[in-house]
PDB file of N, CA and C in Angstrom:
ATOM      1  N   MET A   1      26.246 -28.758  -8.433  1.00  0.00           N
ATOM      2  CA  MET A   1      25.514 -28.129  -7.144  1.00  0.00           C
ATOM      3  C   MET A   1      24.079 -27.573  -7.769  1.00  0.00           C
ATOM      4  N   GLU A   2      22.832 -27.561  -7.310  1.00  0.00           N
ATOM      5  CA  GLU A   2      21.829 -26.990  -7.994  1.00  0.00           C
ATOM      6  C   GLU A   2      21.450 -25.463  -7.534  1.00  0.00           C
ATOM      7  N   ASN A   3      21.060 -24.706  -8.473  1.00  0.00           N
ATOM      8  CA  ASN A   3      20.888 -23.297  -8.091  1.00  0.00           C
ATOM      9  C   ASN A   3      19.493 -23.217  -7.656  1.00  0.00           C
ATOM     10  N   THR A   4      19.370 -23.035  -6.472  1.00  0.00           N
ATOM     11  CA  THR A   4      18.006 -22.819  -5.922  1.00  0.00           C
ATOM     12  C   THR A   4      17.404 -21.351  -5.508  1.00  0.00           C
ATOM     13  N   THR A   5      18.395 -20.303  -6.257  1.00  0.00           N
ATOM     14  CA  THR A   5      17.726 -19.201  -5.692  1.00  0.00           C
ATOM     15  C   THR A   5      16.601 -18.360  -6.349  1.00  0.00           C
ATOM     16  N   ASN A   6      15.997 -19.222  -7.403  1.00  0.00           N
ATOM     17  CA  ASN A   6      14.970 -19.028  -7.883  1.00  0.00           C
ATOM     18  C   ASN A   6      13.748 -19.523  -7.030  1.00  0.00           C
ATOM     19  N   GLN A   7      13.950 -20.508  -6.365  1.00  0.00           N
ATOM     20  CA  GLN A   7      12.829 -21.155  -5.473  1.00  0.00           C
ATOM     21  C   GLN A   7      12.459 -20.360  -4.182  1.00  0.00           C
ATOM     22  N   ASN A   8      13.646 -19.834  -3.580  1.00  0.00           N
ATOM     23  CA  ASN A   8      13.205 -19.007  -2.605  1.00  0.00           C
ATOM     24  C   ASN A   8      12.910 -17.364  -2.609  1.00  0.00           C
ATOM     25  N   ARG A   9      12.889 -17.118  -3.806  1.00  0.00           N
ATOM     26  CA  ARG A   9      12.336 -15.683  -4.157  1.00  0.00           C
ATOM     27  C   ARG A   9      11.062 -15.557  -3.740  1.00  0.00           C
ATOM     28  N   PRO A  10      10.657 -14.430  -3.226  1.00  0.00           N
ATOM     29  CA  PRO A  10       9.252 -14.110  -2.797  1.00  0.00           C
ATOM     30  C   PRO A  10       8.388 -13.618  -4.276  1.00  0.00           C
ATOM     31  N   GLU A  11       7.255 -13.843  -4.249  1.00  0.00           N
ATOM     32  CA  GLU A  11       6.550 -13.400  -5.411  1.00  0.00           C
ATOM     33  C   GLU A  11       6.702 -11.987  -5.616  1.00  0.00           C
ATOM     34  N   PRO A  12       6.620 -11.484  -6.812  1.00  0.00           N
ATOM     35  CA  PRO A  12       6.637  -9.777  -6.829  1.00  0.00           C
ATOM     36  C   PRO A  12       5.537  -9.383  -6.703  1.00  0.00           C
ATOM     37  N   LEU A  13       5.356  -8.111  -5.970  1.00  0.00           N
ATOM     38  CA  LEU A  13       4.138  -7.472  -6.038  1.00  0.00           C
ATOM     39  C   LEU A  13       3.492  -6.900  -7.169  1.00  0.00           C
ATOM     40  N   SER A  14       2.156  -7.295  -7.526  1.00  0.00           N
ATOM     41  CA  SER A  14       1.399  -6.840  -8.543  1.00  0.00           C
ATOM     42  C   SER A  14       1.518  -5.436  -8.942  1.00  0.00           C
ATOM     43  N   GLN A  15       1.273  -5.017 -10.021  1.00  0.00           N
ATOM     44  CA  GLN A  15       1.097  -3.549 -10.415  1.00  0.00           C
ATOM     45  C   GLN A  15      -0.116  -3.108  -9.568  1.00  0.00           C
ATOM     46  N   ARG A  16      -1.021  -3.586  -9.594  1.00  0.00           N
ATOM     47  CA  ARG A  16      -2.433  -3.154  -8.697  1.00  0.00           C
ATOM     48  C   ARG A  16      -2.128  -2.844  -7.438  1.00  0.00           C
ATOM     49  N   TRP A  17      -1.424  -3.979  -6.527  1.00  0.00           N
ATOM     50  CA  TRP A  17      -1.137  -3.294  -5.280  1.00  0.00           C
ATOM     51  C   TRP A  17      -0.193  -2.336  -5.104  1.00  0.00           C
ATOM     52  N   VAL A  18       0.867  -2.309  -6.032  1.00  0.00           N
ATOM     53  CA  VAL A  18       1.606  -0.872  -5.932  1.00  0.00           C
ATOM     54  C   VAL A  18       0.908   0.340  -6.055  1.00  0.00           C
ATOM     55  N   ILE A  19      -0.077   0.224  -7.017  1.00  0.00           N
ATOM     56  CA  ILE A  19      -0.962   1.630  -7.165  1.00  0.00           C
ATOM     57  C   ILE A  19      -1.718   1.656  -5.963  1.00  0.00           C
ATOM     58  N   ILE A  20      -2.251   0.733  -5.162  1.00  0.00           N
ATOM     59  CA  ILE A  20      -3.030   0.937  -3.978  1.00  0.00           C
ATOM     60  C   ILE A  20      -2.269   1.281  -2.969  1.00  0.00           C
ATOM     61  N   LEU A  21      -0.920   0.835  -2.772  1.00  0.00           N
ATOM     62  CA  LEU A  21      -0.346   1.232  -1.504  1.00  0.00           C
ATOM     63  C   LEU A  21       0.424   2.799  -2.126  1.00  0.00           C
ATOM     64  N   ILE A  22       0.742   2.774  -3.103  1.00  0.00           N
ATOM     65  CA  ILE A  22       1.336   4.309  -3.219  1.00  0.00           C
ATOM     66  C   ILE A  22      -0.028   5.409  -2.975  1.00  0.00           C
ATOM     67  N   ALA A  23      -1.036   5.110  -3.545  1.00  0.00           N
ATOM     68  CA  ALA A  23      -2.447   6.025  -3.044  1.00  0.00           C
ATOM     69  C   ALA A  23      -2.718   6.186  -1.735  1.00  0.00           C
ATOM     70  N   GLY A  24      -2.475   4.835  -0.950  1.00  0.00           N
ATOM     71  CA  GLY A  24      -2.765   5.003   0.480  1.00  0.00           C
ATOM     72  C   GLY A  24      -1.903   6.006   1.240  1.00  0.00           C
ATOM     73  N   GLY A  25      -0.421   5.639   0.771  1.00  0.00           N
ATOM     74  CA  GLY A  25       0.563   6.460   1.724  1.00  0.00           C
ATOM     75  C   GLY A  25       0.452   8.004   1.139  1.00  0.00           C
ATOM     76  N   LEU A  26      -0.168   8.353   0.019  1.00  0.00           N
ATOM     77  CA  LEU A  26      -0.173   9.868  -0.423  1.00  0.00           C
ATOM     78  C   LEU A  26      -1.357  10.218   0.321  1.00  0.00           C
ATOM     79  N   ALA A  27      -2.483   9.486   0.533  1.00  0.00           N
ATOM     80  CA  ALA A  27      -3.533  10.012   1.068  1.00  0.00           C
ATOM     81  C   ALA A  27      -3.069  10.137   2.687  1.00  0.00           C
ATOM     82  N   GLY A  28      -2.434   9.400   3.135  1.00  0.00           N
ATOM     83  CA  GLY A  28      -2.057   9.564   4.551  1.00  0.00           C
ATOM     84  C   GLY A  28      -1.083  10.889   4.610  1.00  0.00           C
ATOM     85  N   VAL A  29      -0.287  11.073   3.793  1.00  0.00           N
ATOM     86  CA  VAL A  29       0.875  12.181   3.887  1.00  0.00           C
ATOM     87  C   VAL A  29      -0.195  13.294   3.399  1.00  0.00           C
ATOM     88  N   ALA A  30      -1.099  13.254   2.794  1.00  0.00           N
ATOM     89  CA  ALA A  30      -1.961  14.616   2.586  1.00  0.00           C
ATOM     90  C   ALA A  30      -2.851  14.871   3.888  1.00  0.00           C
ATOM     91  N   VAL A  31      -3.294  14.113   4.686  1.00  0.00           N
ATOM     92  CA  VAL A  31      -3.945  14.145   5.950  1.00  0.00           C
ATOM     93  C   VAL A  31      -3.182  14.679   7.081  1.00  0.00           C
ATOM     94  N   ALA A  32      -1.862  14.136   6.892  1.00  0.00           N
ATOM     95  CA  ALA A  32      -0.948  14.439   8.020  1.00  0.00           C
ATOM     96  C   ALA A  32      -0.576  16.066   7.597  1.00  0.00           C
ATOM     97  N   LEU A  33      -0.219  16.189   6.164  1.00  0.00           N
ATOM     98  CA  LEU A  33       0.038  17.869   6.182  1.00  0.00           C
ATOM     99  C   LEU A  33      -0.903  18.599   6.485  1.00  0.00           C
ATOM    100  N   LEU A  34      -2.180  18.429   6.643  1.00  0.00           N
ATOM    101  CA  LEU A  34      -3.492  19.267   6.837  1.00  0.00           C
ATOM    102  C   LEU A  34      -3.440  19.514   8.271  1.00  0.00           C
ATOM    103  N   GLY A  35      -2.684  18.993   9.150  1.00  0.00           N
ATOM    104  CA  GLY A  35      -2.409  19.188  10.412  1.00  0.00           C
ATOM    105  C   GLY A  35      -3.274  18.156  11.503  1.00  0.00           C
ATOM    106  N   ALA A  36      -3.446  17.042  10.932  1.00  0.00           N
ATOM    107  CA  ALA A  36      -4.427  16.267  11.403  1.00  0.00           C
ATOM    108  C   ALA A  36      -3.616  15.092  12.464  1.00  0.00           C
ATOM    109  N   PRO A  37      -4.322  14.556  13.351  1.00  0.00           N
ATOM    110  CA  PRO A  37      -3.083  13.755  14.171  1.00  0.00           C
ATOM    111  C   PRO A  37      -2.661  12.557  13.326  1.00  0.00           C
ATOM    112  N   VAL A  38      -1.606  12.175  13.776  1.00  0.00           N
ATOM    113  CA  VAL A  38      -1.242  10.779  13.323  1.00  0.00           C
ATOM    114  C   VAL A  38      -2.319   9.549  13.002  1.00  0.00           C
ATOM    115  N   LEU A  39      -2.961   9.420  14.240  1.00  0.00           N
ATOM    116  CA  LEU A  39      -4.188   8.278  13.793  1.00  0.00           C
ATOM    117  C   LEU A  39      -5.014   8.779  12.752  1.00  0.00           C
ATOM    118  N   ALA A  40      -5.342   9.911  12.548  1.00  0.00           N
ATOM    119  CA  ALA A  40      -6.315  10.569  11.435  1.00  0.00           C
ATOM    120  C   ALA A  40      -5.775  10.038  10.136  1.00  0.00           C
ATOM    121  N   ALA A  41      -4.108  10.158   9.994  1.00  0.00           N
ATOM    122  CA  ALA A  41      -3.831  10.212   8.704  1.00  0.00           C
ATOM    123  C   ALA A  41      -3.562   8.749   8.443  1.00  0.00           C
ATOM    124  N   ALA A  42      -3.048   8.099   9.441  1.00  0.00           N
ATOM    125  CA  ALA A  42      -3.021   6.383   9.459  1.00  0.00           C
ATOM    126  C   ALA A  42      -4.551   5.984   8.849  1.00  0.00           C
ATOM    127  N   GLY A  43      -5.629   6.464   9.515  1.00  0.00           N
ATOM    128  CA  GLY A  43      -7.029   5.819   9.238  1.00  0.00           C
ATOM    129  C   GLY A  43      -7.431   6.336   7.788  1.00  0.00           C
ATOM    130  N   ALA A  44      -6.965   7.538   7.356  1.00  0.00           N
ATOM    131  CA  ALA A  44      -7.173   7.816   5.966  1.00  0.00           C
ATOM    132  C   ALA A  44      -6.408   6.993   5.089  1.00  0.00           C
ATOM    133  N   ALA A  45      -4.982   6.599   5.154  1.00  0.00           N
ATOM    134  CA  ALA A  45      -4.524   5.682   4.283  1.00  0.00           C
ATOM    135  C   ALA A  45      -4.939   4.484   4.327  1.00  0.00           C
ATOM    136  N   GLY A  46      -5.526   3.708   5.522  1.00  0.00           N
ATOM    137  CA  GLY A  46      -6.047   2.609   5.659  1.00  0.00           C
ATOM    138  C   GLY A  46      -7.284   2.551   4.904  1.00  0.00           C
ATOM    139  N   ALA A  47      -8.346   3.509   4.864  1.00  0.00           N
ATOM    140  CA  ALA A  47      -9.387   3.670   4.284  1.00  0.00           C
ATOM    141  C   ALA A  47      -9.088   3.784   2.892  1.00  0.00           C
ATOM    142  N   VAL A  48      -8.090   4.385   2.379  1.00  0.00           N
ATOM    143  CA  VAL A  48      -7.934   4.348   0.862  1.00  0.00           C
ATOM    144  C   VAL A  48      -7.377   3.030   0.319  1.00  0.00           C
ATOM    145  N   ILE A  49      -6.505   2.378   0.978  1.00  0.00           N
ATOM    146  CA  ILE A  49      -6.045   0.957   0.709  1.00  0.00           C
ATOM    147  C   ILE A  49      -7.305   0.193   0.677  1.00  0.00           C
ATOM    148  N   LEU A  50      -8.143   0.194   1.599  1.00  0.00           N
ATOM    149  CA  LEU A  50      -9.359  -0.960   1.787  1.00  0.00           C
ATOM    150  C   LEU A  50     -10.012  -0.542   0.415  1.00  0.00           C
ATOM    151  N   GLY A  51     -10.403   0.568   0.236  1.00  0.00           N
ATOM    152  CA  GLY A  51     -11.462   0.942  -0.531  1.00  0.00           C
ATOM    153  C   GLY A  51     -10.899   0.669  -2.114  1.00  0.00           C
ATOM    154  N   LEU A  52      -9.516   1.248  -2.503  1.00  0.00           N
ATOM    155  CA  LEU A  52      -9.062   0.624  -3.806  1.00  0.00           C
ATOM    156  C   LEU A  52      -9.102  -0.704  -4.000  1.00  0.00           C
ATOM    157  N   ASN A  53      -8.649  -1.687  -2.840  1.00  0.00           N
ATOM    158  CA  ASN A  53      -8.914  -3.033  -2.784  1.00  0.00           C
ATOM    159  C   ASN A  53      -9.871  -3.419  -3.688  1.00  0.00           C
ATOM    160  N   GLN A  54     -11.128  -2.852  -3.031  1.00  0.00           N
ATOM    161  CA  GLN A  54     -12.541  -3.352  -3.411  1.00  0.00           C
ATOM    162  C   GLN A  54     -12.672  -3.014  -4.628  1.00  0.00           C
ATOM    163  N   VAL A  55     -12.310  -1.755  -5.252  1.00  0.00           N
ATOM    164  CA  VAL A  55     -12.795  -1.156  -6.400  1.00  0.00           C
ATOM    165  C   VAL A  55     -12.029  -1.809  -7.639  1.00  0.00           C
ATOM    166  N   MET A  56     -10.785  -2.188  -7.319  1.00  0.00           N
ATOM    167  CA  MET A  56      -9.877  -2.857  -8.202  1.00  0.00           C
ATOM    168  C   MET A  56      -9.844  -4.221  -8.428  1.00  0.00           C
ATOM    169  N   ALA A  57     -10.554  -4.819  -7.672  1.00  0.00           N
ATOM    170  CA  ALA A  57     -10.902  -6.319  -7.404  1.00  0.00           C
ATOM    171  C   ALA A  57     -11.474  -6.866  -8.417  1.00  0.00           C
TER     172      ALA A  57
END
């Protein structure tokens, strides 16, 4: 019987994306802790993720 577990595994997340997503999450948490609405915190996280993706590309 053939071992197919390696063929079905998703590709691991690159270190660049891990850094980008952690920074975005931290930005969202920081904005939320300052008392901003959830939408503003999500916007800050999204902006950081998009910005770092462009800078680090």
